[in-house]
Full PDB file with SEQRES, HELIX, SHEET, SSBOND, CRYST1, ORIGX, SCALE, CONECT and MASTER records, all heavy atoms in Angstrom:
SEQRES   1 A   36  GLN TYR ASN ALA ASP ILE ASP HIS MET ARG VAL LYS PRO          
SEQRES   2 A   36  GLN GLN GLU LEU LEU ASN PRO ALA TYR LEU ALA GLU ARG          
SEQRES   3 A   36  ALA GLN LEU ILE ASP ARG SER LYS ALA ARG                      
HELIX    1 AA1 ILE A    6  HIS A    8  5                                   3    
HELIX    2 AA2 PRO A   13  LEU A   17  3                                   5    
HELIX    3 AA3 PRO A   20  ALA A   27  1                                   8    
CRYST1    1.000    1.000    1.000  90.00  90.00  90.00 P 1           1          
ORIGX1      1.000000  0.000000  0.000000        0.00000                         
ORIGX2      0.000000  1.000000  0.000000        0.00000                         
ORIGX3      0.000000  0.000000  1.000000        0.00000                         
SCALE1      1.000000  0.000000  0.000000        0.00000                         
SCALE2      0.000000  1.000000  0.000000        0.00000                         
SCALE3      0.000000  0.000000  1.000000        0.00000                         
ATOM      1  N   GLN A   1      -2.984  10.645 -14.149  1.00  0.00           N  
ATOM      2  CA  GLN A   1      -1.529  10.723 -14.655  1.00  0.00           C  
ATOM      3  C   GLN A   1      -1.219   9.714 -15.700  1.00  0.00           C  
ATOM      4  O   GLN A   1      -0.345  10.015 -16.620  1.00  0.00           O  
ATOM      5  CB  GLN A   1      -0.630  10.581 -13.361  1.00  0.00           C  
ATOM      6  CG  GLN A   1       0.884  10.485 -13.671  1.00  0.00           C  
ATOM      7  CD  GLN A   1       1.349  11.864 -14.129  1.00  0.00           C  
ATOM      8  OE1 GLN A   1       0.822  12.855 -13.871  1.00  0.00           O  
ATOM      9  NE2 GLN A   1       2.531  11.883 -14.744  1.00  0.00           N  
ATOM     10  N   TYR A   2      -1.793   8.666 -15.634  1.00  0.00           N  
ATOM     11  CA  TYR A   2      -1.322   7.479 -16.521  1.00  0.00           C  
ATOM     12  C   TYR A   2      -2.227   6.939 -17.593  1.00  0.00           C  
ATOM     13  O   TYR A   2      -1.757   6.358 -18.500  1.00  0.00           O  
ATOM     14  CB  TYR A   2      -0.969   6.310 -15.561  1.00  0.00           C  
ATOM     15  CG  TYR A   2       0.151   6.558 -14.513  1.00  0.00           C  
ATOM     16  CD1 TYR A   2      -0.167   6.485 -13.203  1.00  0.00           C  
ATOM     17  CD2 TYR A   2       1.414   6.914 -14.952  1.00  0.00           C  
ATOM     18  CE1 TYR A   2       0.720   6.735 -12.170  1.00  0.00           C  
ATOM     19  CE2 TYR A   2       2.381   7.132 -13.891  1.00  0.00           C  
ATOM     20  CZ  TYR A   2       2.069   7.062 -12.607  1.00  0.00           C  
ATOM     21  OH  TYR A   2       2.974   7.429 -11.660  1.00  0.00           O  
ATOM     22  N   ASN A   3      -3.551   7.255 -17.463  1.00  0.00           N  
ATOM     23  CA  ASN A   3      -4.470   6.569 -18.433  1.00  0.00           C  
ATOM     24  C   ASN A   3      -4.372   7.232 -19.748  1.00  0.00           C  
ATOM     25  O   ASN A   3      -4.402   8.508 -19.808  1.00  0.00           O  
ATOM     26  CB  ASN A   3      -5.833   6.632 -17.888  1.00  0.00           C  
ATOM     27  CG  ASN A   3      -6.709   5.555 -18.493  1.00  0.00           C  
ATOM     28  OD1 ASN A   3      -6.541   4.367 -18.330  1.00  0.00           O  
ATOM     29  ND2 ASN A   3      -7.758   6.061 -19.190  1.00  0.00           N  
ATOM     30  N   ALA A   4      -4.439   6.481 -20.730  1.00  0.00           N  
ATOM     31  CA  ALA A   4      -4.372   6.782 -22.093  1.00  0.00           C  
ATOM     32  C   ALA A   4      -4.671   5.646 -23.125  1.00  0.00           C  
ATOM     33  O   ALA A   4      -4.929   4.599 -22.698  1.00  0.00           O  
ATOM     34  CB  ALA A   4      -2.914   7.478 -22.483  1.00  0.00           C  
ATOM     35  N   ASP A   5      -4.539   5.916 -24.371  1.00  0.00           N  
ATOM     36  CA  ASP A   5      -4.463   4.823 -25.353  1.00  0.00           C  
ATOM     37  C   ASP A   5      -3.411   3.814 -24.804  1.00  0.00           C  
ATOM     38  O   ASP A   5      -2.306   4.196 -24.510  1.00  0.00           O  
ATOM     39  CB  ASP A   5      -4.168   5.414 -26.702  1.00  0.00           C  
ATOM     40  CG  ASP A   5      -4.140   4.397 -27.799  1.00  0.00           C  
ATOM     41  OD1 ASP A   5      -3.732   3.138 -27.569  1.00  0.00           O  
ATOM     42  OD2 ASP A   5      -4.582   4.835 -29.053  1.00  0.00           O  
ATOM     43  N   ILE A   6      -3.881   2.594 -24.809  1.00  0.00           N  
ATOM     44  CA  ILE A   6      -2.867   1.566 -24.074  1.00  0.00           C  
ATOM     45  C   ILE A   6      -1.478   1.460 -24.766  1.00  0.00           C  
ATOM     46  O   ILE A   6      -0.482   1.183 -24.248  1.00  0.00           O  
ATOM     47  CB  ILE A   6      -3.647   0.231 -23.959  1.00  0.00           C  
ATOM     48  CG1 ILE A   6      -2.812  -0.644 -22.978  1.00  0.00           C  
ATOM     49  CG2 ILE A   6      -3.747  -0.499 -25.363  1.00  0.00           C  
ATOM     50  CD1 ILE A   6      -3.614  -2.024 -22.531  1.00  0.00           C  
ATOM     51  N   ASP A   7      -1.559   1.693 -26.081  1.00  0.00           N  
ATOM     52  CA  ASP A   7      -0.383   1.765 -26.901  1.00  0.00           C  
ATOM     53  C   ASP A   7       0.619   2.848 -26.523  1.00  0.00           C  
ATOM     54  O   ASP A   7       1.857   2.899 -26.878  1.00  0.00           O  
ATOM     55  CB  ASP A   7      -0.679   1.719 -28.460  1.00  0.00           C  
ATOM     56  CG  ASP A   7      -1.254   0.455 -28.961  1.00  0.00           C  
ATOM     57  OD1 ASP A   7      -1.212  -0.430 -28.249  1.00  0.00           O  
ATOM     58  OD2 ASP A   7      -2.084   0.593 -29.986  1.00  0.00           O  
ATOM     59  N   HIS A   8       0.072   3.851 -25.828  1.00  0.00           N  
ATOM     60  CA  HIS A   8       0.967   5.097 -25.495  1.00  0.00           C  
ATOM     61  C   HIS A   8       1.220   5.134 -23.962  1.00  0.00           C  
ATOM     62  O   HIS A   8       1.821   6.065 -23.430  1.00  0.00           O  
ATOM     63  CB  HIS A   8       0.346   6.338 -25.965  1.00  0.00           C  
ATOM     64  CG  HIS A   8       0.085   6.380 -27.450  1.00  0.00           C  
ATOM     65  ND1 HIS A   8       1.029   7.053 -28.246  1.00  0.00           N  
ATOM     66  CD2 HIS A   8      -0.668   5.721 -28.318  1.00  0.00           C  
ATOM     67  CE1 HIS A   8       0.709   6.965 -29.519  1.00  0.00           C  
ATOM     68  NE2 HIS A   8      -0.351   6.187 -29.609  1.00  0.00           N  
ATOM     69  N   MET A   9       0.766   4.147 -23.091  1.00  0.00           N  
ATOM     70  CA  MET A   9       0.803   4.242 -21.776  1.00  0.00           C  
ATOM     71  C   MET A   9       2.252   3.951 -21.314  1.00  0.00           C  
ATOM     72  O   MET A   9       2.905   3.098 -21.958  1.00  0.00           O  
ATOM     73  CB  MET A   9      -0.096   3.328 -21.009  1.00  0.00           C  
ATOM     74  CG  MET A   9      -1.468   3.832 -21.046  1.00  0.00           C  
ATOM     75  SD  MET A   9      -2.665   2.723 -20.117  1.00  0.00           S  
ATOM     76  CE  MET A   9      -2.235   2.828 -18.408  1.00  0.00           C  
ATOM     77  N   ARG A  10       2.771   4.559 -20.316  1.00  0.00           N  
ATOM     78  CA  ARG A  10       4.131   4.268 -19.715  1.00  0.00           C  
ATOM     79  C   ARG A  10       4.140   3.325 -18.676  1.00  0.00           C  
ATOM     80  O   ARG A  10       5.244   2.991 -18.171  1.00  0.00           O  
ATOM     81  CB  ARG A  10       4.788   5.657 -19.342  1.00  0.00           C  
ATOM     82  CG  ARG A  10       4.762   6.699 -20.462  1.00  0.00           C  
ATOM     83  CD  ARG A  10       5.554   7.891 -20.054  1.00  0.00           C  
ATOM     84  NE  ARG A  10       5.701   8.850 -21.294  1.00  0.00           N  
ATOM     85  CZ  ARG A  10       4.751   9.828 -21.531  1.00  0.00           C  
ATOM     86  NH1 ARG A  10       3.735   9.967 -20.746  1.00  0.00           N  
ATOM     87  NH2 ARG A  10       4.945  10.498 -22.565  1.00  0.00           N  
ATOM     88  N   VAL A  11       2.969   2.840 -18.299  1.00  0.00           N  
ATOM     89  CA  VAL A  11       2.900   1.758 -17.160  1.00  0.00           C  
ATOM     90  C   VAL A  11       1.978   0.749 -17.617  1.00  0.00           C  
ATOM     91  O   VAL A  11       1.157   1.007 -18.459  1.00  0.00           O  
ATOM     92  CB  VAL A  11       2.386   2.368 -15.802  1.00  0.00           C  
ATOM     93  CG1 VAL A  11       3.367   3.301 -15.321  1.00  0.00           C  
ATOM     94  CG2 VAL A  11       1.053   3.014 -15.910  1.00  0.00           C  
ATOM     95  N   LYS A  12       2.126  -0.514 -17.252  1.00  0.00           N  
ATOM     96  CA  LYS A  12       1.287  -1.684 -17.713  1.00  0.00           C  
ATOM     97  C   LYS A  12       0.111  -1.692 -16.705  1.00  0.00           C  
ATOM     98  O   LYS A  12       0.184  -1.913 -15.438  1.00  0.00           O  
ATOM     99  CB  LYS A  12       2.135  -2.987 -17.627  1.00  0.00           C  
ATOM    100  CG  LYS A  12       3.203  -2.854 -18.635  1.00  0.00           C  
ATOM    101  CD  LYS A  12       4.049  -4.192 -18.571  1.00  0.00           C  
ATOM    102  CE  LYS A  12       5.221  -4.005 -19.510  1.00  0.00           C  
ATOM    103  NZ  LYS A  12       6.012  -5.344 -19.436  1.00  0.00           N  
ATOM    104  N   PRO A  13      -1.155  -1.622 -17.259  1.00  0.00           N  
ATOM    105  CA  PRO A  13      -2.316  -1.641 -16.344  1.00  0.00           C  
ATOM    106  C   PRO A  13      -2.364  -2.822 -15.284  1.00  0.00           C  
ATOM    107  O   PRO A  13      -2.469  -2.665 -14.118  1.00  0.00           O  
ATOM    108  CB  PRO A  13      -3.489  -1.670 -17.460  1.00  0.00           C  
ATOM    109  CG  PRO A  13      -2.920  -1.093 -18.651  1.00  0.00           C  
ATOM    110  CD  PRO A  13      -1.478  -1.489 -18.627  1.00  0.00           C  
ATOM    111  N   GLN A  14      -2.364  -4.030 -15.847  1.00  0.00           N  
ATOM    112  CA  GLN A  14      -2.625  -5.248 -15.023  1.00  0.00           C  
ATOM    113  C   GLN A  14      -1.342  -5.434 -14.196  1.00  0.00           C  
ATOM    114  O   GLN A  14      -1.480  -5.775 -12.947  1.00  0.00           O  
ATOM    115  CB  GLN A  14      -2.817  -6.406 -15.942  1.00  0.00           C  
ATOM    116  CG  GLN A  14      -3.315  -7.579 -15.071  1.00  0.00           C  
ATOM    117  CD  GLN A  14      -4.720  -7.686 -14.483  1.00  0.00           C  
ATOM    118  OE1 GLN A  14      -5.670  -7.467 -15.276  1.00  0.00           O  
ATOM    119  NE2 GLN A  14      -4.883  -7.613 -13.220  1.00  0.00           N  
ATOM    120  N   GLN A  15      -0.238  -5.419 -14.737  1.00  0.00           N  
ATOM    121  CA  GLN A  15       0.957  -5.789 -14.055  1.00  0.00           C  
ATOM    122  C   GLN A  15       1.412  -4.761 -13.114  1.00  0.00           C  
ATOM    123  O   GLN A  15       2.138  -5.106 -12.120  1.00  0.00           O  
ATOM    124  CB  GLN A  15       2.244  -6.169 -15.034  1.00  0.00           C  
ATOM    125  CG  GLN A  15       1.927  -7.304 -16.072  1.00  0.00           C  
ATOM    126  CD  GLN A  15       1.155  -6.975 -17.330  1.00  0.00           C  
ATOM    127  OE1 GLN A  15       0.372  -5.919 -17.334  1.00  0.00           O  
ATOM    128  NE2 GLN A  15       1.471  -7.513 -18.342  1.00  0.00           N  
ATOM    129  N   GLU A  16       1.243  -3.523 -13.347  1.00  0.00           N  
ATOM    130  CA  GLU A  16       1.862  -2.491 -12.542  1.00  0.00           C  
ATOM    131  C   GLU A  16       0.699  -1.681 -11.722  1.00  0.00           C  
ATOM    132  O   GLU A  16       0.774  -1.545 -10.521  1.00  0.00           O  
ATOM    133  CB  GLU A  16       2.659  -1.612 -13.340  1.00  0.00           C  
ATOM    134  CG  GLU A  16       3.853  -2.254 -13.829  1.00  0.00           C  
ATOM    135  CD  GLU A  16       4.699  -1.510 -14.773  1.00  0.00           C  
ATOM    136  OE1 GLU A  16       4.250  -0.566 -15.539  1.00  0.00           O  
ATOM    137  OE2 GLU A  16       5.989  -1.624 -14.718  1.00  0.00           O  
ATOM    138  N   LEU A  17      -0.244  -1.103 -12.445  1.00  0.00           N  
ATOM    139  CA  LEU A  17      -1.340  -0.296 -11.692  1.00  0.00           C  
ATOM    140  C   LEU A  17      -2.051  -1.294 -10.820  1.00  0.00           C  
ATOM    141  O   LEU A  17      -2.505  -0.785  -9.764  1.00  0.00           O  
ATOM    142  CB  LEU A  17      -2.108   0.398 -12.657  1.00  0.00           C  
ATOM    143  CG  LEU A  17      -1.513   1.629 -13.426  1.00  0.00           C  
ATOM    144  CD1 LEU A  17      -2.616   2.073 -14.383  1.00  0.00           C  
ATOM    145  CD2 LEU A  17      -1.223   2.573 -12.464  1.00  0.00           C  
ATOM    146  N   LEU A  18      -2.371  -2.529 -11.210  1.00  0.00           N  
ATOM    147  CA  LEU A  18      -3.047  -3.423 -10.351  1.00  0.00           C  
ATOM    148  C   LEU A  18      -2.171  -4.345  -9.565  1.00  0.00           C  
ATOM    149  O   LEU A  18      -2.632  -5.455  -9.182  1.00  0.00           O  
ATOM    150  CB  LEU A  18      -4.169  -4.241 -11.144  1.00  0.00           C  
ATOM    151  CG  LEU A  18      -5.172  -3.393 -11.802  1.00  0.00           C  
ATOM    152  CD1 LEU A  18      -6.105  -4.169 -12.787  1.00  0.00           C  
ATOM    153  CD2 LEU A  18      -5.927  -2.607 -10.872  1.00  0.00           C  
ATOM    154  N   ASN A  19      -0.867  -4.192  -9.461  1.00  0.00           N  
ATOM    155  CA  ASN A  19      -0.027  -4.923  -8.621  1.00  0.00           C  
ATOM    156  C   ASN A  19      -0.397  -4.975  -7.176  1.00  0.00           C  
ATOM    157  O   ASN A  19      -0.615  -3.859  -6.689  1.00  0.00           O  
ATOM    158  CB  ASN A  19       1.467  -4.454  -8.851  1.00  0.00           C  
ATOM    159  CG  ASN A  19       2.333  -5.304  -8.175  1.00  0.00           C  
ATOM    160  OD1 ASN A  19       2.423  -5.370  -6.881  1.00  0.00           O  
ATOM    161  ND2 ASN A  19       3.233  -5.975  -8.856  1.00  0.00           N  
ATOM    162  N   PRO A  20      -0.719  -6.055  -6.622  1.00  0.00           N  
ATOM    163  CA  PRO A  20      -1.263  -6.210  -5.231  1.00  0.00           C  
ATOM    164  C   PRO A  20      -0.331  -5.418  -4.306  1.00  0.00           C  
ATOM    165  O   PRO A  20      -0.826  -4.721  -3.454  1.00  0.00           O  
ATOM    166  CB  PRO A  20      -1.249  -7.645  -4.963  1.00  0.00           C  
ATOM    167  CG  PRO A  20      -1.371  -8.383  -6.283  1.00  0.00           C  
ATOM    168  CD  PRO A  20      -0.543  -7.437  -7.239  1.00  0.00           C  
ATOM    169  N   ALA A  21       1.061  -5.482  -4.419  1.00  0.00           N  
ATOM    170  CA  ALA A  21       1.792  -4.802  -3.495  1.00  0.00           C  
ATOM    171  C   ALA A  21       1.598  -3.248  -3.697  1.00  0.00           C  
ATOM    172  O   ALA A  21       1.700  -2.569  -2.680  1.00  0.00           O  
ATOM    173  CB  ALA A  21       3.301  -5.161  -3.832  1.00  0.00           C  
ATOM    174  N   TYR A  22       1.589  -2.815  -5.064  1.00  0.00           N  
ATOM    175  CA  TYR A  22       1.274  -1.367  -5.167  1.00  0.00           C  
ATOM    176  C   TYR A  22       0.065  -0.965  -4.664  1.00  0.00           C  
ATOM    177  O   TYR A  22      -0.064   0.190  -3.859  1.00  0.00           O  
ATOM    178  CB  TYR A  22       1.434  -1.078  -6.730  1.00  0.00           C  
ATOM    179  CG  TYR A  22       1.055   0.319  -7.043  1.00  0.00           C  
ATOM    180  CD1 TYR A  22       1.918   1.327  -6.567  1.00  0.00           C  
ATOM    181  CD2 TYR A  22      -0.006   0.757  -7.631  1.00  0.00           C  
ATOM    182  CE1 TYR A  22       1.631   2.744  -6.825  1.00  0.00           C  
ATOM    183  CE2 TYR A  22      -0.468   2.035  -7.971  1.00  0.00           C  
ATOM    184  CZ  TYR A  22       0.508   2.981  -7.461  1.00  0.00           C  
ATOM    185  OH  TYR A  22       0.255   4.476  -7.878  1.00  0.00           O  
ATOM    186  N   LEU A  23      -1.054  -1.695  -4.760  1.00  0.00           N  
ATOM    187  CA  LEU A  23      -2.396  -1.219  -4.206  1.00  0.00           C  
ATOM    188  C   LEU A  23      -2.390  -1.383  -2.675  1.00  0.00           C  
ATOM    189  O   LEU A  23      -3.027  -0.439  -1.972  1.00  0.00           O  
ATOM    190  CB  LEU A  23      -3.436  -2.140  -4.810  1.00  0.00           C  
ATOM    191  CG  LEU A  23      -3.714  -2.086  -6.297  1.00  0.00           C  
ATOM    192  CD1 LEU A  23      -4.826  -3.021  -6.654  1.00  0.00           C  
ATOM    193  CD2 LEU A  23      -3.945  -0.672  -6.698  1.00  0.00           C  
ATOM    194  N   ALA A  24      -1.646  -2.315  -2.135  1.00  0.00           N  
ATOM    195  CA  ALA A  24      -1.497  -2.332  -0.569  1.00  0.00           C  
ATOM    196  C   ALA A  24      -0.700  -1.090  -0.178  1.00  0.00           C  
ATOM    197  O   ALA A  24      -1.021  -0.467   0.944  1.00  0.00           O  
ATOM    198  CB  ALA A  24      -0.938  -3.639  -0.322  1.00  0.00           C  
ATOM    199  N   GLU A  25       0.372  -0.708  -0.866  1.00  0.00           N  
ATOM    200  CA  GLU A  25       1.077   0.511  -0.542  1.00  0.00           C  
ATOM    201  C   GLU A  25       0.187   1.783  -0.633  1.00  0.00           C  
ATOM    202  O   GLU A  25       0.271   2.618   0.314  1.00  0.00           O  
ATOM    203  CB  GLU A  25       2.270   0.543  -1.503  1.00  0.00           C  
ATOM    204  CG  GLU A  25       3.146   1.842  -1.385  1.00  0.00           C  
ATOM    205  CD  GLU A  25       4.161   1.844  -2.501  1.00  0.00           C  
ATOM    206  OE1 GLU A  25       4.653   0.952  -2.746  1.00  0.00           O  
ATOM    207  OE2 GLU A  25       4.267   3.010  -3.023  1.00  0.00           O  
ATOM    208  N   ARG A  26      -0.578   1.831  -1.676  1.00  0.00           N  
ATOM    209  CA  ARG A  26      -1.515   3.001  -1.799  1.00  0.00           C  
ATOM    210  C   ARG A  26      -2.510   2.990  -0.710  1.00  0.00           C  
ATOM    211  O   ARG A  26      -2.947   4.080  -0.148  1.00  0.00           O  
ATOM    212  CB  ARG A  26      -2.156   2.872  -3.162  1.00  0.00           C  
ATOM    213  CG  ARG A  26      -1.282   3.051  -4.379  1.00  0.00           C  
ATOM    214  CD  ARG A  26      -0.734   4.422  -4.530  1.00  0.00           C  
ATOM    215  NE  ARG A  26      -1.620   5.409  -5.180  1.00  0.00           N  
ATOM    216  CZ  ARG A  26      -1.534   6.708  -5.184  1.00  0.00           C  
ATOM    217  NH1 ARG A  26      -0.554   7.302  -4.500  1.00  0.00           N  
ATOM    218  NH2 ARG A  26      -2.342   7.429  -5.956  1.00  0.00           N  
ATOM    219  N   ALA A  27      -3.104   1.813  -0.300  1.00  0.00           N  
ATOM    220  CA  ALA A  27      -4.134   1.781   0.704  1.00  0.00           C  
ATOM    221  C   ALA A  27      -3.575   2.215   1.996  1.00  0.00           C  
ATOM    222  O   ALA A  27      -4.301   2.699   2.932  1.00  0.00           O  
ATOM    223  CB  ALA A  27      -4.527   0.360   0.716  1.00  0.00           C  
ATOM    224  N   GLN A  28      -2.194   2.049   2.263  1.00  0.00           N  
ATOM    225  CA  GLN A  28      -1.666   2.603   3.545  1.00  0.00           C  
ATOM    226  C   GLN A  28      -1.674   4.012   3.689  1.00  0.00           C  
ATOM    227  O   GLN A  28      -1.360   4.646   4.809  1.00  0.00           O  
ATOM    228  CB  GLN A  28      -0.331   1.940   3.745  1.00  0.00           C  
ATOM    229  CG  GLN A  28      -0.135   0.525   3.873  1.00  0.00           C  
ATOM    230  CD  GLN A  28      -1.058  -0.019   5.002  1.00  0.00           C  
ATOM    231  OE1 GLN A  28      -0.870   0.502   6.125  1.00  0.00           O  
ATOM    232  NE2 GLN A  28      -1.973  -1.004   4.690  1.00  0.00           N  
ATOM    233  N   LEU A  29      -1.836   4.726   2.533  1.00  0.00           N  
ATOM    234  CA  LEU A  29      -1.882   6.190   2.635  1.00  0.00           C  
ATOM    235  C   LEU A  29      -3.320   6.723   3.145  1.00  0.00           C  
ATOM    236  O   LEU A  29      -3.429   7.867   3.403  1.00  0.00           O  
ATOM    237  CB  LEU A  29      -1.799   6.775   1.120  1.00  0.00           C  
ATOM    238  CG  LEU A  29      -0.326   6.500   0.540  1.00  0.00           C  
ATOM    239  CD1 LEU A  29      -0.356   7.035  -0.903  1.00  0.00           C  
ATOM    240  CD2 LEU A  29       0.819   7.125   1.422  1.00  0.00           C  
ATOM    241  N   ILE A  30      -4.214   5.738   3.259  1.00  0.00           N  
ATOM    242  CA  ILE A  30      -5.641   6.108   3.777  1.00  0.00           C  
ATOM    243  C   ILE A  30      -5.647   6.145   5.198  1.00  0.00           C  
ATOM    244  O   ILE A  30      -5.156   5.213   5.905  1.00  0.00           O  
ATOM    245  CB  ILE A  30      -6.634   5.103   3.119  1.00  0.00           C  
ATOM    246  CG1 ILE A  30      -6.832   5.217   1.711  1.00  0.00           C  
ATOM    247  CG2 ILE A  30      -8.005   5.456   3.791  1.00  0.00           C  
ATOM    248  CD1 ILE A  30      -7.618   3.991   1.059  1.00  0.00           C  
ATOM    249  N   ASP A  31      -6.062   7.446   5.694  1.00  0.00           N  
ATOM    250  CA  ASP A  31      -6.221   7.528   7.144  1.00  0.00           C  
ATOM    251  C   ASP A  31      -7.697   7.290   7.443  1.00  0.00           C  
ATOM    252  O   ASP A  31      -8.602   8.045   6.862  1.00  0.00           O  
ATOM    253  CB  ASP A  31      -5.784   8.995   7.623  1.00  0.00           C  
ATOM    254  CG  ASP A  31      -5.745   9.249   9.021  1.00  0.00           C  
ATOM    255  OD1 ASP A  31      -6.630   8.660   9.646  1.00  0.00           O  
ATOM    256  OD2 ASP A  31      -4.864  10.080   9.408  1.00  0.00           O  
ATOM    257  N   ARG A  32      -8.074   6.333   8.331  1.00  0.00           N  
ATOM    258  CA  ARG A  32      -9.396   6.096   8.574  1.00  0.00           C  
ATOM    259  C   ARG A  32     -10.147   7.178   9.265  1.00  0.00           C  
ATOM    260  O   ARG A  32     -11.291   7.168   9.390  1.00  0.00           O  
ATOM    261  CB  ARG A  32      -9.424   4.792   9.425  1.00  0.00           C  
ATOM    262  CG  ARG A  32      -9.058   3.560   8.703  1.00  0.00           C  
ATOM    263  CD  ARG A  32      -9.067   2.333   9.548  1.00  0.00           C  
ATOM    264  NE  ARG A  32      -8.588   1.127   8.853  1.00  0.00           N  
ATOM    265  CZ  ARG A  32      -9.543   0.204   8.175  1.00  0.00           C  
ATOM    266  NH1 ARG A  32     -10.711   0.522   8.120  1.00  0.00           N  
ATOM    267  NH2 ARG A  32      -9.065  -0.781   7.535  1.00  0.00           N  
ATOM    268  N   SER A  33      -9.343   8.214   9.842  1.00  0.00           N  
ATOM    269  CA  SER A  33     -10.042   9.237  10.741  1.00  0.00           C  
ATOM    270  C   SER A  33     -10.097  10.541   9.921  1.00  0.00           C  
ATOM    271  O   SER A  33     -10.791  11.399  10.569  1.00  0.00           O  
ATOM    272  CB  SER A  33      -9.257   9.420  11.985  1.00  0.00           C  
ATOM    273  OG  SER A  33      -7.910   9.910  11.797  1.00  0.00           O  
ATOM    274  N   LYS A  34      -9.398  10.767   8.757  1.00  0.00           N  
ATOM    275  CA  LYS A  34      -9.400  12.111   8.181  1.00  0.00           C  
ATOM    276  C   LYS A  34      -9.266  11.914   6.760  1.00  0.00           C  
ATOM    277  O   LYS A  34      -8.647  10.932   6.168  1.00  0.00           O  
ATOM    278  CB  LYS A  34      -8.539  13.004   8.751  1.00  0.00           C  
ATOM    279  CG  LYS A  34      -7.084  12.725   8.579  1.00  0.00           C  
ATOM    280  CD  LYS A  34      -6.202  13.765   9.279  1.00  0.00           C  
ATOM    281  CE  LYS A  34      -4.707  13.435   8.979  1.00  0.00           C  
ATOM    282  NZ  LYS A  34      -3.829  14.427   9.696  1.00  0.00           N  
ATOM    283  N   ALA A  35      -9.789  12.843   5.972  1.00  0.00           N  
ATOM    284  CA  ALA A  35      -9.683  12.988   4.533  1.00  0.00           C  
ATOM    285  C   ALA A  35      -8.186  13.539   4.146  1.00  0.00           C  
ATOM    286  O   ALA A  35      -7.719  14.405   4.850  1.00  0.00           O  
ATOM    287  CB  ALA A  35     -10.641  13.939   3.889  1.00  0.00           C  
ATOM    288  N   ARG A  36      -7.815  13.194   3.146  1.00  0.00           N  
ATOM    289  CA  ARG A  36      -6.520  13.617   2.428  1.00  0.00           C  
ATOM    290  C   ARG A  36      -6.566  14.019   1.051  1.00  0.00           C  
ATOM    291  O   ARG A  36      -7.255  13.254   0.346  1.00  0.00           O  
ATOM    292  CB  ARG A  36      -5.359  12.585   2.764  1.00  0.00           C  
ATOM    293  CG  ARG A  36      -4.909  12.284   4.167  1.00  0.00           C  
ATOM    294  CD  ARG A  36      -3.803  11.250   4.280  1.00  0.00           C  
ATOM    295  NE  ARG A  36      -3.164  11.370   5.515  1.00  0.00           N  
ATOM    296  CZ  ARG A  36      -2.233  10.383   5.898  1.00  0.00           C  
ATOM    297  NH1 ARG A  36      -1.901   9.529   4.996  1.00  0.00           N  
ATOM    298  NH2 ARG A  36      -1.693  10.467   7.060  1.00  0.00           N  
TER     299      ARG A  36                                                      
MASTER        0    0    0    3    0    0    0    6  298    1    0    3          
END                                                                             
């Protein structure tokens, strides 16, 4: 959805895609017992 020439990206890689809070939020979507 987001990856492109960095001059054309709409999100900031380090500050937003790698934001610890965002990654923790994404990790909570993982169900340890089944694939999604």
